[in-house]
Amino acid sequence: MGLLSGRSGVVTGGGRGIGRAIALELGRHGADVAVGYSQGRKGAEEAVCEIEGLGARAFATQANVSQPEEVTASIATVAQRFGKIDYLINNAGITRDRTLARMSHDDWNAVIDVNLHSIFNVTNEVLPYMLEQRYGRVVNVSSVVGQSGNFGQANYAAAKAGIIGFTKSAARELASKGITVNCIAPGFTETEMVGAMPEEARERVLATIPMGRFGRPEEMAQAVIFLLAFGDYVTGQVIAINGGSYM
């Protein structure tokens, strides 16, 4: 029996990076996992195979989380397959980094739609199931950039800051109904996004981190497990995980 045996839910953006690490850690602790993805079907299906190898149930579900009608269909499938939805990890995100002088409306809107509007879209669909059972755990994935800002990431920082405000407001509304809402704010983490940074930019970031390394996806996943398994009296919190950076 694992810490989360008998629990089921969904991880958006669960096929790669931090989302994949969270999905695998959930399976490791006995939870059933719907691995959400938009375009990376192969990565999502590979994650499903790994989770099933750990003895938990899993399946991949496709949805562009910025599109409410796609989210509605995906969440209905999760509820049908698992019979209930106990947890939601809002992790899906993209970047379109530009300085403000070069940022287009498309760059701004795409990041806000996927990183911020999706938080409402998916949570709004999951809530009826959680309210009916008077139990639920929502963990949103923000970023330390949402607290500190970052050069060339005004769109990303704005979205991630909005997630923090959403988390605190939703926590106040839902605590009395047995639903906790929390947030992790990872620092720079060894994912595809960070891997795509120019080496000079990576070195600048590393210079601000006393531990001298980026965070690891598995470390972010362990914080999520804590909030799901032991966070019965924790809600509205933002846990910054940044490898000892300037925060």
Foldseek 3Di string as FASTA:
>chain_A
DFLQAPAEAEQAVLLFDLNVLLLQVCLLRHYEYAYEYAPPPVSSVVSQVNSVVSVHHYDYAYDQLLDLVSLLVRVVVRCVVSVAHAEYEAEWFDADFDAPVPDDPCRLVVRLSRLAVSVCSNCVNRVVRCLVVLHHEYEYEAACCLVVPDGRGPSNNVRSVNLLVVQLVVQVVRLVSHYAGYYEHEYAEPTPVNVPDPPVVNVVQLVQAPQSDFHYSNVVSVVVVCCSSPVSPDHSYYHYHTNRGND
